[in-house]
Amino acid sequence: MASSSAPSLAPGNLWNKIQQQTGYALACGALQPIDTHYEFIDQGGMRFLVRILANLARKEKASQSQQPIGKDFNPFLPYDKDLFVANLSDTHLCLLNKYNVVDHHILIITRAFEDQDTWLTLADFEALAFCMAEIDGLAFYNGGRLAGASQRHKHLQLVPPSLCPDGSPLPLDLAIQRLEMMDKSGQHSSRQLPSAFQHPDFAFRHTIVSLRSAQPLAANTLLAAYYTVLSQLGVKGAEEPSTLAYNLLITREWMMGVCRRQEHYQSIPVNSLGFAGSLLVKNQAQLTLLKTLGPMTVLEKVACQGIAPGGDVRAEA
């Protein structure tokens, strides 16, 4: 299924294109889903979804195809045309994620090479806003190797609801919603959260920006929220992107940024999905280790230090 260089997708058609291309890519073998089973682990006010690989060989093949940042291999230039979904703009296109754990996981990639270590731009958010207008899911960006990025070619990712196989809400969504229901004494409340805040249960450097007052989401709104996130994470205006490794998570309701200091803790890797409340382990031994350490503890170890647990919800300056 060949593509053209010009945008080819009308609003409202993306989801159908994703479903059609998924069927085609499965039939021809281009799409190779990774089978998992799952369980939930509670810690630190979140109910973490933990997926356990059912087919380690498939995951190892996926890892081998994702060469570390700094190598010359680029799976997006040229991209696999059997995974092509649609042109999103003159600068971006949409592909299926070849080794997907979640059904209909898509990649939003730059048509020409841009480095994953560069800052996101208005063009990136234009392509993302186009996709999020149709898919009310979780978008994320792994900013740099220490944040879990495995490819140098710039790409955002989007997974449709529900991330949890049992259909339950996104764990991070529930944690944020809980703040709106409780006042400082722990009593139910209908208080309005500030436009940007830190979650008191998260003892790592992060910030959350509310997007509720800006519906439907526009690229300019997303870009402004992104700049707020970077500023609150400590980025100065003239700094190079390589000065910060970070995870960025986006829904229609909020944007969250997390400052990273290492790629994994012990043998457990963490990318953006970990901070959404979803972790992946490769075997029972890793699952046992994760239960011993605790998922929230792992997040604290891979992220930069931030506020202490139990602090107040903080409005950002």
C-alpha atoms as a PDB file:
ATOM      1  CA  MET A   1       0.000   0.000   0.000  1.00  0.00           C
ATOM      2  CA  ALA A   2       2.013   2.927  -1.291  1.00  0.00           C
ATOM      3  CA  SER A   3       1.856   6.480   0.000  1.00  0.00           C
ATOM      4  CA  SER A   4       2.139   9.860  -1.640  1.00  0.00           C
ATOM      5  CA  SER A   5       4.158  12.814  -0.398  1.00  0.00           C
ATOM      6  CA  ALA A   6       1.106  15.039   0.139  1.00  0.00           C
ATOM      7  CA  PRO A   7      -1.376  14.772   3.023  1.00  0.00           C
ATOM      8  CA  SER A   8      -3.976  12.178   2.077  1.00  0.00           C
ATOM      9  CA  LEU A   9      -6.284  11.816   5.049  1.00  0.00           C
ATOM     10  CA  ALA A  10      -9.493  13.700   5.680  1.00  0.00           C
ATOM     11  CA  PRO A  11     -10.581  14.314   9.287  1.00  0.00           C
ATOM     12  CA  GLY A  12     -12.655  11.446  10.634  1.00  0.00           C
ATOM     13  CA  ASN A  13     -10.995   8.713   8.569  1.00  0.00           C
ATOM     14  CA  LEU A  14      -7.926   7.893  10.655  1.00  0.00           C
ATOM     15  CA  TRP A  15      -9.446   5.192  12.847  1.00  0.00           C
ATOM     16  CA  ASN A  16     -10.857   3.313   9.865  1.00  0.00           C
ATOM     17  CA  LYS A  17      -7.474   3.516   8.133  1.00  0.00           C
ATOM     18  CA  ILE A  18      -5.736   2.138  11.226  1.00  0.00           C
ATOM     19  CA  GLN A  19      -8.143  -0.797  11.432  1.00  0.00           C
ATOM     20  CA  GLN A  20      -7.882  -1.559   7.718  1.00  0.00           C
ATOM     21  CA  GLN A  21      -4.088  -1.409   7.706  1.00  0.00           C
ATOM     22  CA  THR A  22      -3.906  -3.531  10.854  1.00  0.00           C
ATOM     23  CA  GLY A  23      -5.826  -6.318   9.131  1.00  0.00           C
ATOM     24  CA  TYR A  24      -3.630  -6.072   6.054  1.00  0.00           C
ATOM     25  CA  ALA A  25      -0.363  -5.943   8.039  1.00  0.00           C
ATOM     26  CA  LEU A  26      -1.344  -8.930  10.164  1.00  0.00           C
ATOM     27  CA  ALA A  27      -2.236 -10.944   7.084  1.00  0.00           C
ATOM     28  CA  CYS A  28       1.083 -10.248   5.336  1.00  0.00           C
ATOM     29  CA  GLY A  29       3.183 -10.650   8.490  1.00  0.00           C
ATOM     30  CA  ALA A  30       4.439  -7.070   8.669  1.00  0.00           C
ATOM     31  CA  LEU A  31       2.695  -6.507  12.004  1.00  0.00           C
ATOM     32  CA  GLN A  32       3.980  -8.822  14.733  1.00  0.00           C
ATOM     33  CA  PRO A  33       2.130  -8.281  18.034  1.00  0.00           C
ATOM     34  CA  ILE A  34       3.884  -9.267  21.240  1.00  0.00           C
ATOM     35  CA  ASP A  35       1.729 -11.534  23.408  1.00  0.00           C
ATOM     36  CA  THR A  36       1.523 -10.786  27.120  1.00  0.00           C
ATOM     37  CA  HIS A  37      -0.496 -11.666  30.167  1.00  0.00           C
ATOM     38  CA  TYR A  38      -0.969  -9.186  32.969  1.00  0.00           C
ATOM     39  CA  GLU A  39      -1.712  -8.472  36.588  1.00  0.00           C
ATOM     40  CA  PHE A  40      -2.093  -5.389  38.766  1.00  0.00           C
ATOM     41  CA  ILE A  41       0.202  -4.210  41.581  1.00  0.00           C
ATOM     42  CA  ASP A  42      -0.826  -1.444  43.986  1.00  0.00           C
ATOM     43  CA  GLN A  43       1.699   0.984  45.408  1.00  0.00           C
ATOM     44  CA  GLY A  44       1.912   4.681  46.179  1.00  0.00           C
ATOM     45  CA  GLY A  45      -1.711   5.471  45.413  1.00  0.00           C
ATOM     46  CA  MET A  46      -1.668   3.869  41.951  1.00  0.00           C
ATOM     47  CA  ARG A  47      -2.883   0.552  40.616  1.00  0.00           C
ATOM     48  CA  PHE A  48      -0.105  -0.403  38.197  1.00  0.00           C
ATOM     49  CA  LEU A  49      -0.774  -2.583  35.171  1.00  0.00           C
ATOM     50  CA  VAL A  50       2.136  -5.004  34.740  1.00  0.00           C
ATOM     51  CA  ARG A  51       2.416  -6.983  31.515  1.00  0.00           C
ATOM     52  CA  ILE A  52       4.478 -10.169  31.444  1.00  0.00           C
ATOM     53  CA  LEU A  53       5.834 -11.423  28.145  1.00  0.00           C
ATOM     54  CA  ALA A  54       4.296 -14.652  26.894  1.00  0.00           C
ATOM     55  CA  ASN A  55       6.812 -14.904  24.045  1.00  0.00           C
ATOM     56  CA  LEU A  56      10.318 -13.799  25.003  1.00  0.00           C
ATOM     57  CA  ALA A  57      11.719 -14.690  21.578  1.00  0.00           C
ATOM     58  CA  ARG A  58       9.367 -12.219  19.868  1.00  0.00           C
ATOM     59  CA  LYS A  59      10.390  -9.431  22.259  1.00  0.00           C
ATOM     60  CA  GLU A  60      14.082 -10.189  21.743  1.00  0.00           C
ATOM     61  CA  LYS A  61      13.550  -9.962  17.994  1.00  0.00           C
ATOM     62  CA  ALA A  62      11.874  -6.608  18.500  1.00  0.00           C
ATOM     63  CA  SER A  63      14.769  -5.420  20.652  1.00  0.00           C
ATOM     64  CA  GLN A  64      17.294  -6.478  18.028  1.00  0.00           C
ATOM     65  CA  SER A  65      15.397  -4.478  15.396  1.00  0.00           C
ATOM     66  CA  GLN A  66      15.523  -1.383  17.606  1.00  0.00           C
ATOM     67  CA  GLN A  67      19.181  -0.490  17.490  1.00  0.00           C
ATOM     68  CA  PRO A  68      20.440   1.736  20.316  1.00  0.00           C
ATOM     69  CA  ILE A  69      20.508   5.471  19.758  1.00  0.00           C
ATOM     70  CA  GLY A  70      23.779   6.389  18.091  1.00  0.00           C
ATOM     71  CA  LYS A  71      23.723   3.559  15.533  1.00  0.00           C
ATOM     72  CA  ASP A  72      23.079   4.157  11.855  1.00  0.00           C
ATOM     73  CA  PHE A  73      20.084   1.844  11.473  1.00  0.00           C
ATOM     74  CA  ASN A  74      16.812   3.718  10.937  1.00  0.00           C
ATOM     75  CA  PRO A  75      13.579   1.683  10.519  1.00  0.00           C
ATOM     76  CA  PHE A  76      11.720   4.802   9.368  1.00  0.00           C
ATOM     77  CA  LEU A  77      13.970   5.739   6.421  1.00  0.00           C
ATOM     78  CA  PRO A  78      12.746   3.947   4.505  1.00  0.00           C
ATOM     79  CA  TYR A  79       9.705   2.838   6.487  1.00  0.00           C
ATOM     80  CA  ASP A  80       7.898  -0.450   5.903  1.00  0.00           C
ATOM     81  CA  LYS A  81       5.081   0.410   3.480  1.00  0.00           C
ATOM     82  CA  ASP A  82       3.026  -2.484   4.829  1.00  0.00           C
ATOM     83  CA  LEU A  83       2.843  -0.582   8.133  1.00  0.00           C
ATOM     84  CA  PHE A  84       1.922   2.748   6.529  1.00  0.00           C
ATOM     85  CA  VAL A  85      -1.431   4.167   7.671  1.00  0.00           C
ATOM     86  CA  ALA A  86      -1.647   7.678   6.256  1.00  0.00           C
ATOM     87  CA  ASN A  87       0.055  10.965   5.546  1.00  0.00           C
ATOM     88  CA  LEU A  88      -0.837  13.363   8.334  1.00  0.00           C
ATOM     89  CA  SER A  89       0.767  16.518   6.952  1.00  0.00           C
ATOM     90  CA  ASP A  90       3.583  17.672   4.700  1.00  0.00           C
ATOM     91  CA  THR A  91       5.988  16.896   7.543  1.00  0.00           C
ATOM     92  CA  HIS A  92       4.545  13.840   9.312  1.00  0.00           C
ATOM     93  CA  LEU A  93       3.068  10.430   8.588  1.00  0.00           C
ATOM     94  CA  CYS A  94       1.472   7.635  10.592  1.00  0.00           C
ATOM     95  CA  LEU A  95       2.718   4.053  10.879  1.00  0.00           C
ATOM     96  CA  LEU A  96       1.590   1.030  12.834  1.00  0.00           C
ATOM     97  CA  ASN A  97       3.988   0.000  15.602  1.00  0.00           C
ATOM     98  CA  LYS A  98       5.464  -3.225  14.216  1.00  0.00           C
ATOM     99  CA  TYR A  99       5.997  -5.026  17.538  1.00  0.00           C
ATOM    100  CA  ASN A 100       2.920  -3.780  19.379  1.00  0.00           C
ATOM    101  CA  VAL A 101       1.794  -4.840  22.840  1.00  0.00           C
ATOM    102  CA  VAL A 102      -1.410  -2.769  22.655  1.00  0.00           C
ATOM    103  CA  ASP A 103      -3.693  -3.156  19.623  1.00  0.00           C
ATOM    104  CA  HIS A 104      -3.712  -0.266  17.128  1.00  0.00           C
ATOM    105  CA  HIS A 105      -0.622   1.378  18.627  1.00  0.00           C
ATOM    106  CA  ILE A 106       0.505   4.029  16.122  1.00  0.00           C
ATOM    107  CA  LEU A 107       3.677   6.023  15.535  1.00  0.00           C
ATOM    108  CA  ILE A 108       3.650   9.645  14.391  1.00  0.00           C
ATOM    109  CA  ILE A 109       6.988  10.154  12.655  1.00  0.00           C
ATOM    110  CA  THR A 110       8.693  12.992  10.846  1.00  0.00           C
ATOM    111  CA  ARG A 111       8.866  12.458   7.090  1.00  0.00           C
ATOM    112  CA  ALA A 112      12.466  13.718   6.983  1.00  0.00           C
ATOM    113  CA  PHE A 113      14.991  12.744   9.621  1.00  0.00           C
ATOM    114  CA  GLU A 114      14.901  14.733  12.845  1.00  0.00           C
ATOM    115  CA  ASP A 115      16.669  13.567  15.973  1.00  0.00           C
ATOM    116  CA  GLN A 116      14.661  12.224  18.917  1.00  0.00           C
ATOM    117  CA  ASP A 117      16.805  14.459  21.119  1.00  0.00           C
ATOM    118  CA  THR A 118      15.479  17.664  19.526  1.00  0.00           C
ATOM    119  CA  TRP A 119      12.641  19.654  21.059  1.00  0.00           C
ATOM    120  CA  LEU A 120       9.112  19.038  19.827  1.00  0.00           C
ATOM    121  CA  THR A 121       7.769  21.657  17.417  1.00  0.00           C
ATOM    122  CA  LEU A 122       4.478  23.128  16.275  1.00  0.00           C
ATOM    123  CA  ALA A 123       4.542  20.731  13.296  1.00  0.00           C
ATOM    124  CA  ASP A 124       4.872  17.768  15.682  1.00  0.00           C
ATOM    125  CA  PHE A 125       1.877  18.944  17.678  1.00  0.00           C
ATOM    126  CA  GLU A 126      -0.158  19.647  14.523  1.00  0.00           C
ATOM    127  CA  ALA A 127       0.245  15.996  13.517  1.00  0.00           C
ATOM    128  CA  LEU A 128      -0.514  14.834  17.066  1.00  0.00           C
ATOM    129  CA  ALA A 129      -3.602  17.060  17.405  1.00  0.00           C
ATOM    130  CA  PHE A 130      -4.938  15.646  14.137  1.00  0.00           C
ATOM    131  CA  CYS A 131      -4.663  12.122  15.542  1.00  0.00           C
ATOM    132  CA  MET A 132      -5.986  12.960  19.008  1.00  0.00           C
ATOM    133  CA  ALA A 133      -9.060  14.627  17.532  1.00  0.00           C
ATOM    134  CA  GLU A 134     -10.148  11.152  16.466  1.00  0.00           C
ATOM    135  CA  ILE A 135      -8.475   8.885  19.025  1.00  0.00           C
ATOM    136  CA  ASP A 136      -9.146   9.708  22.681  1.00  0.00           C
ATOM    137  CA  GLY A 137      -6.128   7.787  23.877  1.00  0.00           C
ATOM    138  CA  LEU A 138      -2.713   8.288  25.452  1.00  0.00           C
ATOM    139  CA  ALA A 139       0.047   9.972  23.463  1.00  0.00           C
ATOM    140  CA  PHE A 140       3.629   9.883  24.654  1.00  0.00           C
ATOM    141  CA  TYR A 141       7.165  10.874  23.750  1.00  0.00           C
ATOM    142  CA  ASN A 142      10.392   9.369  25.067  1.00  0.00           C
ATOM    143  CA  GLY A 143      12.812  12.291  24.997  1.00  0.00           C
ATOM    144  CA  GLY A 144      16.247  10.703  24.799  1.00  0.00           C
ATOM    145  CA  ARG A 145      17.894   7.375  25.557  1.00  0.00           C
ATOM    146  CA  LEU A 146      17.640   7.808  29.339  1.00  0.00           C
ATOM    147  CA  ALA A 147      13.880   8.250  28.899  1.00  0.00           C
ATOM    148  CA  GLY A 148      13.498   4.931  27.061  1.00  0.00           C
ATOM    149  CA  ALA A 149      13.895   6.067  23.443  1.00  0.00           C
ATOM    150  CA  SER A 150      15.138   3.219  21.241  1.00  0.00           C
ATOM    151  CA  GLN A 151      15.173   5.044  17.885  1.00  0.00           C
ATOM    152  CA  ARG A 152      16.934   8.267  16.913  1.00  0.00           C
ATOM    153  CA  HIS A 153      14.350   9.257  14.289  1.00  0.00           C
ATOM    154  CA  LYS A 154      11.818  11.550  15.961  1.00  0.00           C
ATOM    155  CA  HIS A 155       8.496   9.857  16.657  1.00  0.00           C
ATOM    156  CA  LEU A 156       5.565  10.379  18.982  1.00  0.00           C
ATOM    157  CA  GLN A 157       3.345   7.438  19.895  1.00  0.00           C
ATOM    158  CA  LEU A 158      -0.377   7.062  20.505  1.00  0.00           C
ATOM    159  CA  VAL A 159      -2.269   4.142  22.004  1.00  0.00           C
ATOM    160  CA  PRO A 160      -6.074   4.063  21.895  1.00  0.00           C
ATOM    161  CA  PRO A 161      -8.230   3.303  24.930  1.00  0.00           C
ATOM    162  CA  SER A 162      -8.141   1.203  26.863  1.00  0.00           C
ATOM    163  CA  LEU A 163      -4.499   0.721  27.720  1.00  0.00           C
ATOM    164  CA  CYS A 164      -5.643  -1.784  30.352  1.00  0.00           C
ATOM    165  CA  PRO A 165      -6.794  -5.129  28.884  1.00  0.00           C
ATOM    166  CA  ASP A 166      -9.669  -5.381  31.376  1.00  0.00           C
ATOM    167  CA  GLY A 167     -11.078  -2.054  30.152  1.00  0.00           C
ATOM    168  CA  SER A 168     -10.309  -0.200  33.384  1.00  0.00           C
ATOM    169  CA  PRO A 169      -9.253   3.463  33.230  1.00  0.00           C
ATOM    170  CA  LEU A 170      -5.670   4.573  32.766  1.00  0.00           C
ATOM    171  CA  PRO A 171      -3.991   4.346  36.216  1.00  0.00           C
ATOM    172  CA  LEU A 172      -2.509   7.844  35.932  1.00  0.00           C
ATOM    173  CA  ASP A 173      -5.922   9.228  34.966  1.00  0.00           C
ATOM    174  CA  LEU A 174      -7.391   7.811  38.166  1.00  0.00           C
ATOM    175  CA  ALA A 175      -4.568   9.282  40.250  1.00  0.00           C
ATOM    176  CA  ILE A 176      -5.167  12.740  38.783  1.00  0.00           C
ATOM    177  CA  GLN A 177      -8.940  12.481  39.108  1.00  0.00           C
ATOM    178  CA  ARG A 178      -8.546  11.552  42.767  1.00  0.00           C
ATOM    179  CA  LEU A 179      -6.991  14.956  43.466  1.00  0.00           C
ATOM    180  CA  GLU A 180     -10.172  16.659  42.307  1.00  0.00           C
ATOM    181  CA  MET A 181     -12.246  14.584  44.708  1.00  0.00           C
ATOM    182  CA  MET A 182     -10.239  15.148  47.879  1.00  0.00           C
ATOM    183  CA  ASP A 183      -9.388  18.255  49.865  1.00  0.00           C
ATOM    184  CA  LYS A 184      -6.352  18.657  52.123  1.00  0.00           C
ATOM    185  CA  SER A 185      -8.006  16.838  55.039  1.00  0.00           C
ATOM    186  CA  GLY A 186      -8.869  13.862  52.854  1.00  0.00           C
ATOM    187  CA  GLN A 187     -12.540  14.708  52.598  1.00  0.00           C
ATOM    188  CA  HIS A 188     -14.446  14.574  49.330  1.00  0.00           C
ATOM    189  CA  SER A 189     -14.409  17.877  47.535  1.00  0.00           C
ATOM    190  CA  SER A 190     -15.143  19.327  44.114  1.00  0.00           C
ATOM    191  CA  ARG A 191     -12.183  21.679  44.129  1.00  0.00           C
ATOM    192  CA  GLN A 192     -10.678  22.998  40.920  1.00  0.00           C
ATOM    193  CA  LEU A 193      -7.052  22.034  40.386  1.00  0.00           C
ATOM    194  CA  PRO A 194      -4.616  24.749  39.274  1.00  0.00           C
ATOM    195  CA  SER A 195      -3.761  24.859  35.575  1.00  0.00           C
ATOM    196  CA  ALA A 196      -0.338  23.385  36.342  1.00  0.00           C
ATOM    197  CA  PHE A 197       0.488  21.316  39.399  1.00  0.00           C
ATOM    198  CA  GLN A 198       2.497  18.505  40.951  1.00  0.00           C
ATOM    199  CA  HIS A 199       0.886  15.353  42.285  1.00  0.00           C
ATOM    200  CA  PRO A 200       1.623  14.901  46.004  1.00  0.00           C
ATOM    201  CA  ASP A 201       1.943  11.120  45.656  1.00  0.00           C
ATOM    202  CA  PHE A 202       4.768  11.349  43.101  1.00  0.00           C
ATOM    203  CA  ALA A 203       8.187  11.752  44.722  1.00  0.00           C
ATOM    204  CA  PHE A 204       9.991  12.580  41.499  1.00  0.00           C
ATOM    205  CA  ARG A 205      10.440  15.713  39.427  1.00  0.00           C
ATOM    206  CA  HIS A 206       7.373  16.192  37.266  1.00  0.00           C
ATOM    207  CA  THR A 207       4.657  18.642  36.347  1.00  0.00           C
ATOM    208  CA  ILE A 208       1.098  18.219  35.089  1.00  0.00           C
ATOM    209  CA  VAL A 209      -0.701  20.819  32.961  1.00  0.00           C
ATOM    210  CA  SER A 210      -4.480  20.745  32.693  1.00  0.00           C
ATOM    211  CA  LEU A 211      -5.899  20.861  29.148  1.00  0.00           C
ATOM    212  CA  ARG A 212      -9.576  20.741  30.103  1.00  0.00           C
ATOM    213  CA  SER A 213     -10.261  24.390  29.325  1.00  0.00           C
ATOM    214  CA  ALA A 214      -8.826  24.075  25.811  1.00  0.00           C
ATOM    215  CA  GLN A 215     -11.184  21.714  23.982  1.00  0.00           C
ATOM    216  CA  PRO A 216     -10.933  20.687  21.231  1.00  0.00           C
ATOM    217  CA  LEU A 217      -7.161  20.514  21.463  1.00  0.00           C
ATOM    218  CA  ALA A 218      -5.233  22.666  19.020  1.00  0.00           C
ATOM    219  CA  ALA A 219      -1.547  22.416  18.149  1.00  0.00           C
ATOM    220  CA  ASN A 220      -0.817  25.863  19.606  1.00  0.00           C
ATOM    221  CA  THR A 221      -2.418  24.821  22.898  1.00  0.00           C
ATOM    222  CA  LEU A 222      -0.304  21.669  23.056  1.00  0.00           C
ATOM    223  CA  LEU A 223       2.861  23.599  22.224  1.00  0.00           C
ATOM    224  CA  ALA A 224       2.162  26.168  24.953  1.00  0.00           C
ATOM    225  CA  ALA A 225       1.521  23.397  27.500  1.00  0.00           C
ATOM    226  CA  TYR A 226       4.757  21.702  26.404  1.00  0.00           C
ATOM    227  CA  TYR A 227       6.724  24.897  27.002  1.00  0.00           C
ATOM    228  CA  THR A 228       5.161  25.143  30.468  1.00  0.00           C
ATOM    229  CA  VAL A 229       6.173  21.558  31.213  1.00  0.00           C
ATOM    230  CA  LEU A 230       9.761  22.154  30.087  1.00  0.00           C
ATOM    231  CA  SER A 231      10.003  25.351  32.109  1.00  0.00           C
ATOM    232  CA  GLN A 232       8.729  23.650  35.260  1.00  0.00           C
ATOM    233  CA  LEU A 233      11.183  20.785  34.757  1.00  0.00           C
ATOM    234  CA  GLY A 234      13.965  23.378  34.846  1.00  0.00           C
ATOM    235  CA  VAL A 235      14.782  23.913  31.169  1.00  0.00           C
ATOM    236  CA  LYS A 236      16.154  27.345  30.310  1.00  0.00           C
ATOM    237  CA  GLY A 237      15.142  28.924  27.021  1.00  0.00           C
ATOM    238  CA  ALA A 238      18.534  28.620  25.312  1.00  0.00           C
ATOM    239  CA  GLU A 239      19.423  25.137  26.516  1.00  0.00           C
ATOM    240  CA  GLU A 240      20.046  22.323  24.093  1.00  0.00           C
ATOM    241  CA  PRO A 241      17.631  19.343  24.190  1.00  0.00           C
ATOM    242  CA  SER A 242      20.469  17.030  25.215  1.00  0.00           C
ATOM    243  CA  THR A 243      20.481  18.767  28.614  1.00  0.00           C
ATOM    244  CA  LEU A 244      17.210  17.034  29.556  1.00  0.00           C
ATOM    245  CA  ALA A 245      15.995  13.460  29.271  1.00  0.00           C
ATOM    246  CA  TYR A 246      12.257  13.404  29.833  1.00  0.00           C
ATOM    247  CA  ASN A 247       9.017  11.548  29.312  1.00  0.00           C
ATOM    248  CA  LEU A 248       5.974  13.378  27.990  1.00  0.00           C
ATOM    249  CA  LEU A 249       2.449  11.964  28.360  1.00  0.00           C
ATOM    250  CA  ILE A 250      -0.632  13.581  26.826  1.00  0.00           C
ATOM    251  CA  THR A 251      -4.364  12.945  26.893  1.00  0.00           C
ATOM    252  CA  ARG A 252      -7.227  15.264  25.979  1.00  0.00           C
ATOM    253  CA  GLU A 253      -7.395  16.196  29.681  1.00  0.00           C
ATOM    254  CA  TRP A 254      -3.773  16.814  30.675  1.00  0.00           C
ATOM    255  CA  MET A 255      -0.095  16.828  29.749  1.00  0.00           C
ATOM    256  CA  MET A 256       2.557  15.459  32.102  1.00  0.00           C
ATOM    257  CA  GLY A 257       6.334  15.727  31.941  1.00  0.00           C
ATOM    258  CA  VAL A 258       8.821  13.703  33.995  1.00  0.00           C
ATOM    259  CA  CYS A 259      12.543  14.423  34.258  1.00  0.00           C
ATOM    260  CA  ARG A 260      14.667  11.262  33.836  1.00  0.00           C
ATOM    261  CA  ARG A 261      18.088  10.320  35.154  1.00  0.00           C
ATOM    262  CA  GLN A 262      18.442   6.686  34.064  1.00  0.00           C
ATOM    263  CA  GLU A 263      16.964   4.260  31.571  1.00  0.00           C
ATOM    264  CA  HIS A 264      16.119   1.418  33.959  1.00  0.00           C
ATOM    265  CA  TYR A 265      16.401   0.368  37.572  1.00  0.00           C
ATOM    266  CA  GLN A 266      18.180  -2.927  38.097  1.00  0.00           C
ATOM    267  CA  SER A 267      16.817  -5.011  35.196  1.00  0.00           C
ATOM    268  CA  ILE A 268      13.475  -3.220  34.812  1.00  0.00           C
ATOM    269  CA  PRO A 269      13.280  -0.729  31.908  1.00  0.00           C
ATOM    270  CA  VAL A 270      10.938   2.257  32.062  1.00  0.00           C
ATOM    271  CA  ASN A 271       9.624   4.485  29.292  1.00  0.00           C
ATOM    272  CA  SER A 272       6.711   6.954  29.282  1.00  0.00           C
ATOM    273  CA  LEU A 273       4.134   4.199  29.775  1.00  0.00           C
ATOM    274  CA  GLY A 274       5.637   3.394  33.165  1.00  0.00           C
ATOM    275  CA  PHE A 275       4.599   6.811  34.448  1.00  0.00           C
ATOM    276  CA  ALA A 276       1.121   6.258  33.018  1.00  0.00           C
ATOM    277  CA  GLY A 277       0.964   3.196  35.278  1.00  0.00           C
ATOM    278  CA  SER A 278       1.930   0.463  32.800  1.00  0.00           C
ATOM    279  CA  LEU A 279       5.148  -1.570  33.052  1.00  0.00           C
ATOM    280  CA  LEU A 280       6.481  -4.502  31.033  1.00  0.00           C
ATOM    281  CA  VAL A 281       8.605  -7.347  32.416  1.00  0.00           C
ATOM    282  CA  LYS A 282      10.087 -10.185  30.422  1.00  0.00           C
ATOM    283  CA  ASN A 283       9.671 -13.118  32.821  1.00  0.00           C
ATOM    284  CA  GLN A 284       8.522 -14.298  36.226  1.00  0.00           C
ATOM    285  CA  ALA A 285      11.849 -13.420  37.835  1.00  0.00           C
ATOM    286  CA  GLN A 286      11.488  -9.789  36.763  1.00  0.00           C
ATOM    287  CA  LEU A 287       7.889  -9.768  37.977  1.00  0.00           C
ATOM    288  CA  THR A 288       9.015 -11.015  41.381  1.00  0.00           C
ATOM    289  CA  LEU A 289      11.702  -8.332  41.482  1.00  0.00           C
ATOM    290  CA  LEU A 290       9.165  -5.647  40.562  1.00  0.00           C
ATOM    291  CA  LYS A 291       6.831  -6.805  43.333  1.00  0.00           C
ATOM    292  CA  THR A 292       9.713  -6.738  45.808  1.00  0.00           C
ATOM    293  CA  LEU A 293      10.851  -3.257  44.817  1.00  0.00           C
ATOM    294  CA  GLY A 294       7.396  -1.829  44.128  1.00  0.00           C
ATOM    295  CA  PRO A 295       6.472  -0.116  40.827  1.00  0.00           C
ATOM    296  CA  MET A 296       6.401   3.389  42.325  1.00  0.00           C
ATOM    297  CA  THR A 297       9.841   2.818  43.823  1.00  0.00           C
ATOM    298  CA  VAL A 298      11.160   1.889  40.371  1.00  0.00           C
ATOM    299  CA  LEU A 299       9.723   5.112  38.928  1.00  0.00           C
ATOM    300  CA  GLU A 300      11.370   7.129  41.700  1.00  0.00           C
ATOM    301  CA  LYS A 301      14.722   5.479  40.978  1.00  0.00           C
ATOM    302  CA  VAL A 302      14.709   6.226  37.231  1.00  0.00           C
ATOM    303  CA  ALA A 303      13.368   9.788  37.540  1.00  0.00           C
ATOM    304  CA  CYS A 304      15.065  12.895  38.895  1.00  0.00           C
ATOM    305  CA  GLN A 305      14.351  13.776  42.492  1.00  0.00           C
ATOM    306  CA  GLY A 306      11.301  15.943  43.174  1.00  0.00           C
ATOM    307  CA  ILE A 307       8.679  16.628  45.822  1.00  0.00           C
ATOM    308  CA  ALA A 308       8.309  14.358  48.831  1.00  0.00           C
ATOM    309  CA  PRO A 309       5.305  11.992  49.141  1.00  0.00           C
ATOM    310  CA  GLY A 310       2.338  13.417  50.976  1.00  0.00           C
ATOM    311  CA  GLY A 311       2.978  17.052  50.006  1.00  0.00           C
ATOM    312  CA  ASP A 312       0.234  19.432  48.977  1.00  0.00           C
ATOM    313  CA  VAL A 313      -0.880  19.827  45.407  1.00  0.00           C
ATOM    314  CA  ARG A 314       1.318  22.662  44.198  1.00  0.00           C
ATOM    315  CA  ALA A 315       0.395  25.367  41.754  1.00  0.00           C
ATOM    316  CA  GLU A 316       3.351  26.146  39.523  1.00  0.00           C
ATOM    317  CA  ALA A 317       4.666  29.681  39.252  1.00  0.00           C
END
